[in-house]
C-alpha atoms as a PDB file:
ATOM      1  CA  GLY A   1      -0.605 -15.254  14.271  1.00  0.00           C
ATOM      2  CA  ASP A   2      -0.369 -11.528  14.926  1.00  0.00           C
ATOM      3  CA  LEU A   3       0.895 -10.911  11.557  1.00  0.00           C
ATOM      4  CA  LYS A   4      -2.024 -12.895   9.879  1.00  0.00           C
ATOM      5  CA  TYR A   5      -4.687 -11.316  11.949  1.00  0.00           C
ATOM      6  CA  ALA A   6      -3.248  -7.752  11.064  1.00  0.00           C
ATOM      7  CA  LEU A   7      -3.726  -8.945   7.553  1.00  0.00           C
ATOM      8  CA  GLU A   8      -7.441 -10.122   7.858  1.00  0.00           C
ATOM      9  CA  PHE A   9     -10.213  -7.815   6.310  1.00  0.00           C
ATOM     10  CA  GLU A  10     -12.998  -6.515   8.161  1.00  0.00           C
ATOM     11  CA  LEU A  11     -16.592  -6.296   7.157  1.00  0.00           C
ATOM     12  CA  LYS A  12     -15.891  -2.831   5.298  1.00  0.00           C
ATOM     13  CA  GLU A  13     -13.104  -4.287   3.213  1.00  0.00           C
ATOM     14  CA  PHE A  14     -15.524  -7.348   2.223  1.00  0.00           C
ATOM     15  CA  ASP A  15     -18.232  -4.851   1.247  1.00  0.00           C
ATOM     16  CA  LEU A  16     -15.599  -2.849  -1.021  1.00  0.00           C
ATOM     17  CA  ILE A  17     -14.489  -6.008  -2.682  1.00  0.00           C
ATOM     18  CA  ASP A  18     -18.125  -7.157  -3.224  1.00  0.00           C
ATOM     19  CA  ARG A  19     -19.301  -4.055  -4.728  1.00  0.00           C
ATOM     20  CA  TYR A  20     -15.995  -3.802  -6.847  1.00  0.00           C
ATOM     21  CA  CYS A  21     -16.436  -7.138  -8.241  1.00  0.00           C
ATOM     22  CA  GLN A  22     -20.241  -6.729  -8.865  1.00  0.00           C
ATOM     23  CA  GLU A  23     -19.425  -3.199 -10.892  1.00  0.00           C
ATOM     24  CA  LYS A  24     -16.778  -5.343 -12.922  1.00  0.00           C
ATOM     25  CA  ARG A  25     -18.779  -8.423 -12.956  1.00  0.00           C
ATOM     26  CA  ILE A  26     -16.126 -10.423 -11.326  1.00  0.00           C
ATOM     27  CA  PRO A  27     -17.058 -13.572  -9.141  1.00  0.00           C
ATOM     28  CA  TRP A  28     -15.339 -13.763  -5.948  1.00  0.00           C
ATOM     29  CA  SER A  29     -15.138 -15.802  -3.118  1.00  0.00           C
ATOM     30  CA  ALA A  30     -12.638 -16.311   0.022  1.00  0.00           C
ATOM     31  CA  SER A  31     -11.262 -19.201   2.183  1.00  0.00           C
ATOM     32  CA  ALA A  32     -13.142 -19.744   5.254  1.00  0.00           C
ATOM     33  CA  TRP A  33     -11.171 -21.535   8.016  1.00  0.00           C
ATOM     34  CA  ASP A  34     -13.924 -22.005  10.462  1.00  0.00           C
ATOM     35  CA  GLY A  35     -17.748 -22.245  10.471  1.00  0.00           C
ATOM     36  CA  LEU A  36     -18.520 -18.852  11.422  1.00  0.00           C
ATOM     37  CA  SER A  37     -16.352 -17.433   8.630  1.00  0.00           C
ATOM     38  CA  ALA A  38     -17.903 -19.874   6.095  1.00  0.00           C
ATOM     39  CA  HIS A  39     -21.376 -18.352   7.047  1.00  0.00           C
ATOM     40  CA  PHE A  40     -19.987 -14.599   6.877  1.00  0.00           C
ATOM     41  CA  VAL A  41     -18.545 -15.226   3.509  1.00  0.00           C
ATOM     42  CA  ASN A  42     -21.686 -17.189   2.254  1.00  0.00           C
ATOM     43  CA  GLY A  43     -23.467 -14.011   3.160  1.00  0.00           C
ATOM     44  CA  PHE A  44     -22.131 -12.215   0.009  1.00  0.00           C
ATOM     45  CA  ARG A  45     -23.817 -14.417  -2.196  1.00  0.00           C
ATOM     46  CA  VAL A  46     -20.416 -16.034  -3.315  1.00  0.00           C
ATOM     47  CA  PRO A  47     -20.913 -18.598  -6.313  1.00  0.00           C
ATOM     48  CA  CYS A  48     -18.450 -21.337  -4.404  1.00  0.00           C
ATOM     49  CA  HIS A  49     -16.531 -21.776  -1.459  1.00  0.00           C
ATOM     50  CA  LYS A  50     -12.843 -22.456  -1.306  1.00  0.00           C
ATOM     51  CA  ILE A  51     -11.317 -24.814   1.526  1.00  0.00           C
ATOM     52  CA  ALA A  52      -7.628 -24.009   2.254  1.00  0.00           C
ATOM     53  CA  SER A  53      -5.119 -26.800   2.250  1.00  0.00           C
ATOM     54  CA  ALA A  54      -4.634 -26.232   6.031  1.00  0.00           C
ATOM     55  CA  CYS A  55      -8.562 -26.832   6.329  1.00  0.00           C
ATOM     56  CA  LEU A  56      -8.915 -30.142   4.746  1.00  0.00           C
ATOM     57  CA  THR A  57      -8.933 -32.397   7.610  1.00  0.00           C
ATOM     58  CA  HIS A  58     -11.478 -29.994   9.297  1.00  0.00           C
ATOM     59  CA  ALA A  59     -14.461 -32.322   8.846  1.00  0.00           C
ATOM     60  CA  ASP A  60     -17.118 -29.663  10.602  1.00  0.00           C
ATOM     61  CA  LEU A  61     -16.084 -27.033   8.364  1.00  0.00           C
ATOM     62  CA  LEU A  62     -16.432 -29.305   5.261  1.00  0.00           C
ATOM     63  CA  ARG A  63     -20.066 -30.150   6.209  1.00  0.00           C
ATOM     64  CA  ARG A  64     -20.823 -26.696   7.090  1.00  0.00           C
ATOM     65  CA  VAL A  65     -19.501 -25.390   3.794  1.00  0.00           C
ATOM     66  CA  ARG A  66     -21.250 -28.167   1.680  1.00  0.00           C
ATOM     67  CA  SER A  67     -24.534 -27.582   3.639  1.00  0.00           C
ATOM     68  CA  ASN A  68     -24.768 -23.988   1.593  1.00  0.00           C
ATOM     69  CA  ASP A  69     -25.389 -26.080  -1.650  1.00  0.00           C
ATOM     70  CA  LYS A  70     -22.676 -24.401  -3.631  1.00  0.00           C
ATOM     71  CA  PRO A  71     -19.694 -25.741  -5.333  1.00  0.00           C
ATOM     72  CA  VAL A  72     -16.561 -26.401  -3.445  1.00  0.00           C
ATOM     73  CA  ILE A  73     -13.041 -25.970  -4.432  1.00  0.00           C
ATOM     74  CA  LEU A  74     -10.744 -28.144  -2.118  1.00  0.00           C
ATOM     75  CA  SER A  75      -7.012 -27.299  -1.889  1.00  0.00           C
ATOM     76  CA  THR A  76      -4.711 -30.163  -1.148  1.00  0.00           C
ATOM     77  CA  GLY A  77      -1.341 -28.781  -0.262  1.00  0.00           C
ATOM     78  CA  GLY A  78       0.584 -30.803   2.625  1.00  0.00           C
ATOM     79  CA  SER A  79      -2.146 -33.560   2.632  1.00  0.00           C
ATOM     80  CA  SER A  80      -1.739 -37.308   2.247  1.00  0.00           C
ATOM     81  CA  MET A  81      -4.092 -39.275  -0.144  1.00  0.00           C
ATOM     82  CA  GLU A  82      -5.705 -40.718   2.818  1.00  0.00           C
ATOM     83  CA  GLN A  83      -6.623 -37.172   4.073  1.00  0.00           C
ATOM     84  CA  ILE A  84      -7.867 -36.175   0.490  1.00  0.00           C
ATOM     85  CA  GLU A  85     -10.036 -39.150   0.219  1.00  0.00           C
ATOM     86  CA  LYS A  86     -11.559 -38.712   3.888  1.00  0.00           C
ATOM     87  CA  ALA A  87     -12.407 -35.022   2.490  1.00  0.00           C
ATOM     88  CA  VAL A  88     -13.721 -36.189  -0.381  1.00  0.00           C
ATOM     89  CA  ALA A  89     -15.856 -38.745   1.379  1.00  0.00           C
ATOM     90  CA  VAL A  90     -17.407 -35.779   3.486  1.00  0.00           C
ATOM     91  CA  LEU A  91     -17.865 -33.390   0.812  1.00  0.00           C
ATOM     92  CA  GLY A  92     -19.049 -35.869  -1.985  1.00  0.00           C
ATOM     93  CA  ARG A  93     -18.057 -35.640  -5.479  1.00  0.00           C
ATOM     94  CA  GLU A  94     -20.810 -33.375  -6.868  1.00  0.00           C
ATOM     95  CA  ASP A  95     -19.836 -29.770  -7.534  1.00  0.00           C
ATOM     96  CA  LEU A  96     -16.318 -30.333  -6.195  1.00  0.00           C
ATOM     97  CA  ILE A  97     -13.151 -29.228  -7.669  1.00  0.00           C
ATOM     98  CA  ILE A  98      -9.581 -30.632  -6.197  1.00  0.00           C
ATOM     99  CA  LEU A  99      -6.694 -28.541  -6.550  1.00  0.00           C
ATOM    100  CA  HIS A 100      -3.219 -29.910  -6.447  1.00  0.00           C
ATOM    101  CA  CYS A 101      -0.978 -27.566  -4.687  1.00  0.00           C
ATOM    102  CA  VAL A 102       2.264 -27.441  -2.647  1.00  0.00           C
ATOM    103  CA  ALA A 103       1.821 -25.952   0.920  1.00  0.00           C
ATOM    104  CA  SER A 104       5.236 -24.084   0.809  1.00  0.00           C
ATOM    105  CA  TYR A 105       5.181 -20.375   0.151  1.00  0.00           C
ATOM    106  CA  PRO A 106       6.955 -19.630  -2.313  1.00  0.00           C
ATOM    107  CA  CYS A 107       7.168 -23.114  -3.757  1.00  0.00           C
ATOM    108  CA  ARG A 108      10.295 -24.131  -5.494  1.00  0.00           C
ATOM    109  CA  ASN A 109       9.949 -25.625  -8.723  1.00  0.00           C
ATOM    110  CA  GLU A 110      11.479 -29.021  -7.853  1.00  0.00           C
ATOM    111  CA  GLU A 111       8.672 -29.318  -5.131  1.00  0.00           C
ATOM    112  CA  ILE A 112       5.675 -28.890  -7.421  1.00  0.00           C
ATOM    113  CA  ASN A 113       5.448 -32.456  -8.915  1.00  0.00           C
ATOM    114  CA  LEU A 114       2.659 -31.709 -11.584  1.00  0.00           C
ATOM    115  CA  ALA A 115       2.268 -35.381 -12.286  1.00  0.00           C
ATOM    116  CA  MET A 116       0.125 -35.293  -9.043  1.00  0.00           C
ATOM    117  CA  ILE A 117      -2.728 -33.762 -11.190  1.00  0.00           C
ATOM    118  CA  ASP A 118      -2.791 -36.995 -13.153  1.00  0.00           C
ATOM    119  CA  THR A 119      -2.603 -39.223 -10.089  1.00  0.00           C
ATOM    120  CA  LEU A 120      -5.599 -37.056  -8.732  1.00  0.00           C
ATOM    121  CA  LYS A 121      -7.499 -37.505 -12.009  1.00  0.00           C
ATOM    122  CA  ARG A 122      -7.108 -41.107 -11.720  1.00  0.00           C
ATOM    123  CA  LYS A 123      -7.892 -41.421  -8.156  1.00  0.00           C
ATOM    124  CA  PHE A 124     -10.938 -39.105  -8.222  1.00  0.00           C
ATOM    125  CA  ARG A 125     -12.457 -40.098 -11.765  1.00  0.00           C
ATOM    126  CA  GLY A 126     -15.318 -37.589 -12.728  1.00  0.00           C
ATOM    127  CA  VAL A 127     -13.979 -35.084 -10.228  1.00  0.00           C
ATOM    128  CA  PRO A 128     -12.585 -32.153 -12.012  1.00  0.00           C
ATOM    129  CA  ILE A 129      -8.789 -31.480 -10.916  1.00  0.00           C
ATOM    130  CA  GLY A 130      -6.950 -28.162 -11.035  1.00  0.00           C
ATOM    131  CA  TYR A 131      -3.709 -26.621  -9.782  1.00  0.00           C
ATOM    132  CA  SER A 132      -3.070 -23.789  -7.334  1.00  0.00           C
ATOM    133  CA  GLY A 133       0.087 -22.515  -7.565  1.00  0.00           C
ATOM    134  CA  HIS A 134       2.416 -20.785  -5.171  1.00  0.00           C
ATOM    135  CA  GLU A 135       5.590 -20.546  -7.253  1.00  0.00           C
ATOM    136  CA  ARG A 136       7.587 -17.218  -8.290  1.00  0.00           C
ATOM    137  CA  GLY A 137       7.002 -17.556 -12.027  1.00  0.00           C
ATOM    138  CA  ILE A 138       4.374 -18.823 -14.435  1.00  0.00           C
ATOM    139  CA  LEU A 139       5.893 -21.720 -16.179  1.00  0.00           C
ATOM    140  CA  PRO A 140       4.343 -24.369 -13.705  1.00  0.00           C
ATOM    141  CA  SER A 141       1.082 -22.951 -14.101  1.00  0.00           C
ATOM    142  CA  LEU A 142       1.471 -22.735 -17.955  1.00  0.00           C
ATOM    143  CA  VAL A 143       2.031 -26.644 -17.856  1.00  0.00           C
ATOM    144  CA  ALA A 144      -0.615 -27.266 -15.452  1.00  0.00           C
ATOM    145  CA  ALA A 145      -3.001 -25.744 -18.059  1.00  0.00           C
ATOM    146  CA  ALA A 146      -1.311 -27.879 -20.541  1.00  0.00           C
ATOM    147  CA  LYS A 147      -2.012 -30.969 -18.570  1.00  0.00           C
ATOM    148  CA  GLU A 148      -5.665 -29.961 -18.763  1.00  0.00           C
ATOM    149  CA  ALA A 149      -6.041 -28.769 -15.265  1.00  0.00           C
ATOM    150  CA  CYS A 150      -9.689 -27.414 -15.153  1.00  0.00           C
ATOM    151  CA  MET A 151      -8.748 -24.392 -13.298  1.00  0.00           C
ATOM    152  CA  VAL A 152      -5.393 -22.606 -12.324  1.00  0.00           C
ATOM    153  CA  GLU A 153      -5.416 -20.430  -9.230  1.00  0.00           C
ATOM    154  CA  ARG A 154      -2.678 -18.036  -8.536  1.00  0.00           C
ATOM    155  CA  HIS A 155      -2.423 -15.376  -5.957  1.00  0.00           C
ATOM    156  CA  ILE A 156      -2.037 -11.757  -7.186  1.00  0.00           C
ATOM    157  CA  THR A 157      -0.252  -8.794  -5.373  1.00  0.00           C
ATOM    158  CA  LEU A 158       0.640  -5.241  -6.061  1.00  0.00           C
ATOM    159  CA  ASN A 159       4.143  -5.895  -4.734  1.00  0.00           C
ATOM    160  CA  ARG A 160       5.860  -9.123  -3.841  1.00  0.00           C
ATOM    161  CA  GLN A 161       7.965  -7.172  -1.290  1.00  0.00           C
ATOM    162  CA  MET A 162       4.922  -6.434   1.042  1.00  0.00           C
ATOM    163  CA  PRO A 163       4.928  -7.917   4.327  1.00  0.00           C
ATOM    164  CA  GLY A 164       3.104 -11.415   4.941  1.00  0.00           C
ATOM    165  CA  THR A 165       3.571 -14.864   3.641  1.00  0.00           C
ATOM    166  CA  ASP A 166       1.372 -14.792   0.352  1.00  0.00           C
ATOM    167  CA  HIS A 167       3.145 -11.839  -1.352  1.00  0.00           C
ATOM    168  CA  PRO A 168       6.448 -13.516  -2.228  1.00  0.00           C
ATOM    169  CA  ALA A 169       4.348 -16.692  -3.686  1.00  0.00           C
ATOM    170  CA  SER A 170       2.006 -14.160  -5.685  1.00  0.00           C
ATOM    171  CA  LEU A 171       2.235 -12.690  -9.073  1.00  0.00           C
ATOM    172  CA  GLU A 172       2.437  -8.880  -9.572  1.00  0.00           C
ATOM    173  CA  PRO A 173       0.065  -7.503 -12.226  1.00  0.00           C
ATOM    174  CA  ALA A 174       2.511  -7.560 -15.090  1.00  0.00           C
ATOM    175  CA  ASN A 175       2.997 -11.227 -14.642  1.00  0.00           C
ATOM    176  CA  MET A 176      -0.559 -12.095 -13.916  1.00  0.00           C
ATOM    177  CA  LYS A 177      -1.370 -10.406 -17.261  1.00  0.00           C
ATOM    178  CA  LEU A 178       1.277 -12.360 -18.913  1.00  0.00           C
ATOM    179  CA  LEU A 179      -0.044 -15.621 -17.639  1.00  0.00           C
END
């Protein structure tokens, strides 16, 4: 918990991100893990809300995020199909994207199971299905795109050796460019 807290941004960092993205005309958002954070992120006029896999079962957060009348991206790592169904029931299918992902960081290729993209497409017909990758390389992300994932989410870092759980599962700029 201390490590995660030490890595969290304050208002000034979010202001910098917001200004930079406005200058570059890059839409941005952030995953809120509680209602207050969702309200905070929404204050930046983000185009959508992202629900982290760990928050998929947090029905109150799902309702609060949905009340902002913006598209929602729902990550599913570590969730059962029943939990995903319940989250979709709370969120509704309109303006929703479901992302297949694996909750381990970094994820080994044999854990990825990209066939789940097809399973989610069959289960939630009409809801766009994408992929959130936490693997070290780019091949699974390319395969997900070839499987017609509606979007591919990858984390970016300046250096995969930096402290924190996300960096080893992120792409450095050269690999992001290659992807």
